[in-house]
Amino acid sequence: MMAITEIPNYGRWLSMKPSDFFRQVTDPNIREALLNFDDYRLAVNAILTIDATYGVLFDYLQKVDHPLLMQITARNNRRSIDDSDFKEHFAQQDQQFAVLRDAAYATKHGRLTGSKARLVTAAADIAIGGVGCGDMICGHDPLGGDAVFIQTGNQNLVRAEFLIEDVSKSTQALLQQLNA
């Protein structure tokens, strides 16, 4: 078995910033999902890695003792925040992020049954559907084509690609703003 110190470029990974993770992992998944907006696997990969980016960002900000973390409140009378509190902070500011965060949680757990209100409650709420009148975008969607949709708690269907694209932009802006 190889010791961890024998891994080539090990030190480089220890200093990976969230923007590096976004560039190397999340952004390629987003680009593929946007190009192939009818591919369920690619949409889920993009959603999960966007969620992971916020986990990586939280860990990084803790390590550098970033003042942003002082603005976030811990739930349930705990003394310190965790990555769920961190993500909730951004979900309260951006409903599109809240939908993707809940879609990621639902995908990871199958179904969310806790007392916390969620916009997406089950992995099955993310699905491929036909793009018909009202959903079809001229010059974008093939006639009779499909797209990945996310059903939110209020029974609205939202195209995953648009959420992914918008949250991608806000995430990139956040990473730049925090120099992370």
Protein backbone atom coordinates (compact mmCIF):
# COMPACT_ATOMS: atom_id res chain seq x y z
CA MET A 1 0.00 0.00 0.00
CA MET A 2 1.31 3.45 -0.95
CA ALA A 3 1.85 5.87 1.92
CA ILE A 4 0.10 9.18 1.54
CA THR A 5 3.41 11.03 1.33
CA GLU A 6 4.32 8.97 -1.75
CA ILE A 7 1.46 10.39 -3.81
CA PRO A 8 2.87 12.64 -6.55
CA ASN A 9 2.05 16.32 -6.05
CA TYR A 10 0.49 15.59 -2.65
CA GLY A 11 1.29 19.06 -1.32
CA ARG A 12 -0.48 20.70 -4.24
CA TRP A 13 -3.76 19.03 -3.26
CA LEU A 14 -3.42 20.20 0.32
CA SER A 15 -3.43 23.80 -0.87
CA MET A 16 -6.25 23.46 -3.43
CA LYS A 17 -8.53 26.46 -3.24
CA PRO A 18 -12.29 26.22 -3.81
CA SER A 19 -11.85 28.06 -7.12
CA ASP A 20 -9.46 25.28 -8.21
CA PHE A 21 -12.05 22.65 -7.25
CA PHE A 22 -14.70 24.58 -9.15
CA ARG A 23 -12.50 24.93 -12.23
CA GLN A 24 -11.28 21.32 -12.27
CA VAL A 25 -14.38 19.43 -11.10
CA THR A 26 -17.56 21.49 -11.02
CA ASP A 27 -17.24 23.64 -14.13
CA PRO A 28 -16.60 20.70 -16.52
CA ASN A 29 -19.70 18.98 -15.12
CA ILE A 30 -21.72 22.16 -15.55
CA ARG A 31 -20.55 22.64 -19.14
CA GLU A 32 -21.45 19.07 -20.05
CA ALA A 33 -24.87 19.38 -18.40
CA LEU A 34 -25.61 22.60 -20.27
CA LEU A 35 -24.57 21.15 -23.62
CA ASN A 36 -26.57 17.97 -23.03
CA PHE A 37 -29.56 19.36 -21.15
CA ASP A 38 -31.56 16.17 -21.70
CA ASP A 39 -29.00 13.95 -19.92
CA TYR A 40 -30.08 13.07 -16.38
CA ARG A 41 -26.65 11.82 -15.28
CA LEU A 42 -24.90 15.00 -16.37
CA ALA A 43 -27.49 17.21 -14.67
CA VAL A 44 -27.16 15.27 -11.41
CA ASN A 45 -23.35 15.41 -11.61
CA ALA A 46 -23.50 19.18 -12.04
CA ILE A 47 -25.96 19.57 -9.15
CA LEU A 48 -23.91 17.39 -6.81
CA THR A 49 -20.62 19.09 -7.62
CA ILE A 50 -22.11 22.57 -7.19
CA ASP A 51 -23.23 21.44 -3.73
CA ALA A 52 -19.77 19.98 -3.11
CA THR A 53 -18.16 23.29 -4.09
CA TYR A 54 -19.95 24.97 -1.20
CA GLY A 55 -18.70 22.26 1.16
CA VAL A 56 -15.15 22.78 -0.09
CA LEU A 57 -15.58 26.55 0.23
CA PHE A 58 -16.84 26.22 3.82
CA ASP A 59 -13.85 24.08 4.77
CA TYR A 60 -11.44 26.55 3.16
CA LEU A 61 -13.03 29.57 4.87
CA GLN A 62 -12.76 27.79 8.22
CA LYS A 63 -9.06 27.11 7.63
CA VAL A 64 -8.33 30.75 6.83
CA ASP A 65 -10.64 31.98 9.60
CA HIS A 66 -12.64 34.11 7.15
CA PRO A 67 -14.87 36.83 8.72
CA LEU A 68 -17.85 35.78 6.55
CA LEU A 69 -18.33 32.80 8.85
CA MET A 70 -19.09 35.17 11.74
CA GLN A 71 -22.25 36.28 9.88
CA ILE A 72 -23.68 32.75 9.82
CA THR A 73 -25.83 31.41 12.62
CA ALA A 74 -25.61 27.84 13.86
CA ARG A 75 -28.88 25.93 14.02
CA ASN A 76 -30.34 24.19 17.06
CA ASN A 77 -28.44 26.24 19.65
CA ARG A 78 -25.08 24.80 18.63
CA ARG A 79 -21.96 26.84 19.27
CA SER A 80 -20.30 26.35 15.90
CA ILE A 81 -21.60 26.26 12.37
CA ASP A 82 -21.26 23.37 9.95
CA ASP A 83 -21.46 23.15 6.17
CA SER A 84 -25.27 22.76 6.34
CA ASP A 85 -25.52 26.10 8.15
CA PHE A 86 -23.16 27.60 5.58
CA LYS A 87 -25.27 26.36 2.67
CA GLU A 88 -28.47 27.50 4.40
CA HIS A 89 -27.01 31.01 4.62
CA PHE A 90 -26.74 31.14 0.82
CA ALA A 91 -30.04 29.32 0.27
CA GLN A 92 -31.81 32.08 2.19
CA GLN A 93 -30.30 34.65 -0.17
CA ASP A 94 -30.81 32.76 -3.45
CA GLN A 95 -33.83 30.54 -4.09
CA GLN A 96 -32.17 29.00 -7.16
CA PHE A 97 -29.28 27.84 -5.00
CA ALA A 98 -31.82 26.57 -2.43
CA VAL A 99 -33.47 24.40 -5.09
CA LEU A 100 -30.14 22.94 -6.24
CA ARG A 101 -28.96 22.39 -2.67
CA ASP A 102 -32.18 20.55 -1.82
CA ALA A 103 -31.98 18.57 -5.06
CA ALA A 104 -28.45 17.49 -4.11
CA TYR A 105 -29.55 16.49 -0.60
CA ALA A 106 -32.57 14.60 -1.96
CA THR A 107 -30.38 12.81 -4.49
CA LYS A 108 -27.87 11.80 -1.82
CA HIS A 109 -30.55 10.60 0.62
CA GLY A 110 -33.33 9.42 -1.70
CA ARG A 111 -36.04 11.23 0.24
CA LEU A 112 -35.89 14.06 2.76
CA THR A 113 -38.23 13.38 5.67
CA GLY A 114 -37.00 15.75 8.37
CA SER A 115 -38.96 18.65 9.79
CA LYS A 116 -37.03 21.26 7.78
CA ALA A 117 -39.05 22.59 4.86
CA ARG A 118 -37.39 21.68 1.57
CA LEU A 119 -38.05 22.83 -1.99
CA VAL A 120 -37.11 19.40 -3.36
CA THR A 121 -37.90 16.38 -1.21
CA ALA A 122 -37.09 13.28 -3.25
CA ALA A 123 -34.55 12.09 -5.78
CA ALA A 124 -37.51 11.31 -8.05
CA ASP A 125 -38.24 15.06 -8.17
CA ILE A 126 -35.37 15.32 -10.66
CA ALA A 127 -36.41 13.67 -13.91
CA ILE A 128 -36.35 13.86 -17.67
CA GLY A 129 -39.50 15.22 -19.25
CA GLY A 130 -40.71 16.15 -22.68
CA VAL A 131 -40.38 19.75 -23.73
CA GLY A 132 -43.77 20.83 -25.03
CA CYS A 133 -45.62 24.04 -25.70
CA GLY A 134 -44.81 26.58 -23.04
CA ASP A 135 -41.54 24.86 -22.09
CA MET A 136 -39.96 24.78 -25.53
CA ILE A 137 -37.43 27.44 -26.43
CA CYS A 138 -37.33 28.21 -30.13
CA GLY A 139 -33.88 27.67 -31.61
CA HIS A 140 -32.74 25.81 -28.49
CA ASP A 141 -34.92 22.74 -28.07
CA PRO A 142 -35.39 20.08 -30.70
CA LEU A 143 -39.01 19.43 -31.64
CA GLY A 144 -40.23 16.59 -29.45
CA GLY A 145 -37.08 16.78 -27.34
CA ASP A 146 -36.50 16.26 -23.64
CA ALA A 147 -34.89 18.18 -20.82
CA VAL A 148 -34.14 17.51 -17.17
CA PHE A 149 -36.67 19.12 -14.83
CA ILE A 150 -36.74 19.61 -11.08
CA GLN A 151 -40.10 19.55 -9.35
CA THR A 152 -40.23 21.90 -6.40
CA GLY A 153 -42.47 21.57 -3.37
CA ASN A 154 -45.08 23.83 -4.88
CA GLN A 155 -45.38 21.41 -7.84
CA ASN A 156 -43.62 23.76 -10.25
CA LEU A 157 -41.32 22.19 -12.81
CA VAL A 158 -38.10 24.08 -13.37
CA ARG A 159 -35.58 23.25 -16.06
CA ALA A 160 -32.42 22.05 -14.38
CA GLU A 161 -30.15 23.59 -16.99
CA PHE A 162 -31.32 27.12 -16.20
CA LEU A 163 -30.85 26.63 -12.45
CA ILE A 164 -27.44 25.08 -13.02
CA GLU A 165 -26.35 27.93 -15.27
CA ASP A 166 -27.56 30.69 -12.93
CA VAL A 167 -26.15 29.10 -9.77
CA SER A 168 -22.88 28.49 -11.61
CA LYS A 169 -22.58 32.22 -12.31
CA SER A 170 -23.40 33.23 -8.73
CA THR A 171 -20.97 30.63 -7.38
CA GLN A 172 -18.15 31.90 -9.60
CA ALA A 173 -18.88 35.46 -8.48
CA LEU A 174 -18.83 34.37 -4.83
CA LEU A 175 -15.50 32.56 -5.24
CA GLN A 176 -14.00 35.68 -6.85
CA GLN A 177 -15.45 37.98 -4.19
CA LEU A 178 -13.99 35.82 -1.41
CA ASN A 179 -10.71 35.25 -3.29
CA ALA A 180 -11.20 31.59 -2.51
